[in-house]
Amino acid sequence: MKTPVDPSQLETATLAAGCFWCTEAVFQALDGVETVVSGYTGGAVPSPTYKQICGGQTGHAEATQISFDPKQVSYDELLDLFWRMHDPTTPNRQGADVGTQYRSAIFAHSSEQQQQAEASRDALAKNNPKLAPIVTEIVPATIFYPAEDYHQDYFQNNANAPYCSFVIKPKLRKLKLDK
């Protein structure tokens, strides 16, 4: 059982890397992550629904908001995992999921996070010169709207569903997070 962490000691990261079910499952498997909430951010429609998001007209991305203990896992470590878990060179698409809601984005909660995200992106590009241009947007965080309840803890609650078996489980194995 995890030892409770004082909530005032936690930091927040908001990341979009395609389908939030995958992103949520990856970060939930990481030591030092306290909570992961799937939701919507980066658009103009207040309190959007999944149906609205799927229509591609809200401007929101499917994202995860991660509360983490920086004494156990750093923001830079979260960013490293973020870059490895998806394709940051493909605009508005991850695998079979297509649309602006599946874009790659980092929503910075401070100027320090903004700088760290930009430095992380630049290092990735420098260390991988054959990598196509990175299209990940790095922007200030705005209002985050939690997704409907049935989207929360999706992999934990539906591990044997086809999407989980064919998309999420292989991703967790690839990242060596399949505990």
Protein backbone atom coordinates (compact mmCIF):
# COMPACT_ATOMS: atom_id res chain seq x y z
CA MET A 1 0.00 0.00 0.00
CA LYS A 2 1.23 3.48 -0.89
CA THR A 3 2.18 5.86 1.87
CA PRO A 4 -0.06 8.92 1.57
CA VAL A 5 1.71 12.04 0.35
CA ASP A 6 0.84 15.48 1.66
CA PRO A 7 -1.25 16.98 -1.20
CA SER A 8 0.53 20.32 -0.78
CA GLN A 9 3.77 18.60 -1.83
CA LEU A 10 2.35 17.36 -5.14
CA GLU A 11 2.86 18.99 -8.52
CA THR A 12 0.64 18.84 -11.60
CA ALA A 13 1.46 17.99 -15.20
CA THR A 14 -1.04 18.02 -18.06
CA LEU A 15 -0.08 16.04 -21.14
CA ALA A 16 -1.85 14.98 -24.34
CA ALA A 17 -0.43 12.04 -26.29
CA GLY A 18 -3.35 10.65 -28.26
CA CYS A 19 -6.09 8.59 -26.62
CA PHE A 20 -6.27 9.41 -22.94
CA TRP A 21 -6.93 5.77 -22.03
CA CYS A 22 -3.37 4.92 -23.13
CA THR A 23 -1.78 7.97 -21.57
CA GLU A 24 -3.61 7.41 -18.30
CA ALA A 25 -2.53 3.75 -18.09
CA VAL A 26 1.12 4.59 -18.73
CA PHE A 27 1.35 7.29 -16.07
CA GLN A 28 -0.67 5.28 -13.52
CA ALA A 29 2.03 2.59 -13.73
CA LEU A 30 4.77 5.05 -12.75
CA ASP A 31 6.09 5.25 -9.19
CA GLY A 32 5.63 8.72 -7.73
CA VAL A 33 2.40 9.40 -9.61
CA GLU A 34 -0.44 9.86 -7.15
CA THR A 35 -3.42 10.39 -9.47
CA VAL A 36 -4.15 10.57 -13.17
CA VAL A 37 -7.38 12.10 -14.45
CA SER A 38 -8.48 11.79 -18.07
CA GLY A 39 -10.09 14.87 -19.51
CA TYR A 40 -10.20 17.66 -22.05
CA THR A 41 -8.21 20.89 -22.33
CA GLY A 42 -6.84 23.40 -24.79
CA GLY A 43 -10.09 24.35 -26.48
CA ALA A 44 -12.82 26.95 -26.29
CA VAL A 45 -15.98 24.96 -25.47
CA PRO A 46 -16.78 25.01 -21.73
CA SER A 47 -17.50 21.65 -20.05
CA PRO A 48 -17.27 19.58 -23.24
CA THR A 49 -18.59 16.05 -23.52
CA TYR A 50 -16.88 13.09 -25.16
CA LYS A 51 -19.41 13.26 -27.99
CA GLN A 52 -18.49 16.90 -28.63
CA ILE A 53 -14.77 16.13 -28.49
CA CYS A 54 -15.18 13.31 -31.02
CA GLY A 55 -16.79 15.80 -33.40
CA GLY A 56 -13.48 17.67 -33.53
CA GLN A 57 -15.09 21.10 -33.23
CA THR A 58 -14.23 21.99 -29.61
CA GLY A 59 -10.51 22.67 -29.99
CA HIS A 60 -9.86 20.47 -26.95
CA ALA A 61 -7.36 17.64 -26.79
CA GLU A 62 -7.85 14.40 -24.92
CA ALA A 63 -5.36 14.86 -22.10
CA THR A 64 -4.37 13.55 -18.71
CA GLN A 65 -3.80 15.63 -15.62
CA ILE A 66 -1.16 14.00 -13.46
CA SER A 67 -0.55 14.71 -9.77
CA PHE A 68 2.94 13.59 -8.87
CA ASP A 69 5.40 13.67 -6.01
CA PRO A 70 8.52 15.46 -7.31
CA LYS A 71 10.58 13.72 -4.60
CA GLN A 72 9.84 10.40 -6.32
CA VAL A 73 9.53 11.33 -9.99
CA SER A 74 10.57 14.57 -11.64
CA TYR A 75 8.76 16.57 -14.28
CA ASP A 76 11.69 15.83 -16.61
CA GLU A 77 11.13 12.10 -16.06
CA LEU A 78 7.45 12.52 -16.94
CA LEU A 79 8.48 14.38 -20.10
CA ASP A 80 10.95 11.63 -21.03
CA LEU A 81 8.19 9.04 -20.76
CA PHE A 82 5.80 11.32 -22.66
CA TRP A 83 8.18 11.51 -25.65
CA ARG A 84 8.72 7.72 -25.65
CA MET A 85 5.06 6.75 -25.37
CA HIS A 86 3.78 8.34 -28.57
CA ASP A 87 4.77 9.79 -31.93
CA PRO A 88 5.36 13.54 -31.48
CA THR A 89 5.97 14.01 -35.22
CA THR A 90 2.49 13.19 -36.50
CA PRO A 91 -0.04 16.03 -36.32
CA ASN A 92 -3.51 15.17 -35.02
CA ARG A 93 -3.02 11.43 -35.02
CA GLN A 94 -1.81 8.57 -32.86
CA GLY A 95 -2.18 5.15 -34.43
CA ALA A 96 -5.74 4.64 -35.61
CA ASP A 97 -6.99 7.65 -33.61
CA VAL A 98 -7.29 10.64 -35.94
CA GLY A 99 -8.41 14.21 -35.24
CA THR A 100 -7.30 17.37 -33.48
CA GLN A 101 -8.42 15.86 -30.18
CA TYR A 102 -5.55 13.34 -30.49
CA ARG A 103 -2.81 15.92 -30.98
CA SER A 104 0.43 15.88 -29.05
CA ALA A 105 0.57 18.68 -26.49
CA ILE A 106 2.17 19.75 -23.25
CA PHE A 107 0.13 22.16 -21.15
CA ALA A 108 2.61 23.93 -18.85
CA HIS A 109 1.48 24.96 -15.37
CA SER A 110 4.37 27.41 -14.85
CA SER A 111 7.09 29.19 -16.75
CA GLU A 112 9.53 26.62 -15.33
CA GLN A 113 7.48 23.76 -16.81
CA GLN A 114 7.28 25.64 -20.11
CA GLN A 115 11.08 25.99 -20.19
CA GLN A 116 11.63 22.37 -19.19
CA ALA A 117 9.21 21.15 -21.88
CA GLU A 118 10.87 23.26 -24.57
CA ALA A 119 14.35 22.12 -23.50
CA SER A 120 13.19 18.50 -23.46
CA ARG A 121 11.72 18.85 -26.97
CA ASP A 122 14.88 20.52 -28.26
CA ALA A 123 17.09 17.80 -26.75
CA LEU A 124 14.93 15.10 -28.34
CA ALA A 125 15.27 16.76 -31.75
CA LYS A 126 19.03 17.26 -31.34
CA ASN A 127 19.64 13.68 -30.21
CA ASN A 128 17.46 12.23 -32.99
CA PRO A 129 18.37 14.22 -36.12
CA LYS A 130 16.44 11.81 -38.39
CA LEU A 131 13.26 12.43 -36.41
CA ALA A 132 10.74 14.34 -38.49
CA PRO A 133 9.92 17.79 -37.13
CA ILE A 134 8.31 17.55 -33.69
CA VAL A 135 4.78 18.97 -33.89
CA THR A 136 3.98 18.82 -30.17
CA GLU A 137 2.47 22.08 -29.01
CA ILE A 138 3.82 23.47 -25.76
CA VAL A 139 1.39 26.00 -24.36
CA PRO A 140 0.27 27.37 -21.00
CA ALA A 141 -2.27 25.20 -19.19
CA THR A 142 -5.87 26.37 -19.31
CA ILE A 143 -9.02 24.96 -17.75
CA PHE A 144 -8.95 21.16 -17.53
CA TYR A 145 -12.32 19.41 -17.71
CA PRO A 146 -12.38 15.87 -16.31
CA ALA A 147 -13.89 13.37 -18.73
CA GLU A 148 -16.99 11.37 -17.94
CA ASP A 149 -16.65 8.76 -15.16
CA TYR A 150 -16.54 5.79 -17.54
CA HIS A 151 -13.28 7.14 -19.01
CA GLN A 152 -11.52 7.26 -15.64
CA ASP A 153 -9.21 4.34 -14.77
CA TYR A 154 -10.23 2.82 -18.08
CA PHE A 155 -7.43 0.27 -18.36
CA GLN A 156 -7.71 -0.74 -14.69
CA ASN A 157 -11.45 -1.33 -15.13
CA ASN A 158 -11.38 -2.87 -18.63
CA ALA A 159 -8.00 -4.62 -18.99
CA ASN A 160 -9.46 -7.38 -21.17
CA ALA A 161 -11.36 -5.11 -23.55
CA PRO A 162 -10.04 -5.36 -27.14
CA TYR A 163 -8.56 -1.82 -27.19
CA CYS A 164 -6.74 -2.49 -23.93
CA SER A 165 -5.44 -5.86 -25.13
CA PHE A 166 -4.27 -4.68 -28.54
CA VAL A 167 -3.12 -1.11 -27.83
CA ILE A 168 -2.53 -0.40 -24.14
CA LYS A 169 -0.93 -3.67 -22.98
CA PRO A 170 1.70 -3.67 -25.77
CA LYS A 171 2.50 -0.02 -24.99
CA LEU A 172 3.01 -0.84 -21.30
CA ARG A 173 5.26 -3.80 -22.27
CA LYS A 174 7.29 -1.63 -24.66
CA LEU A 175 7.87 0.94 -21.91
CA LYS A 176 8.59 -1.81 -19.34
CA LEU A 177 5.69 -0.67 -17.17
CA ASP A 178 3.68 -3.91 -17.24
CA LYS A 179 3.92 -4.82 -13.57
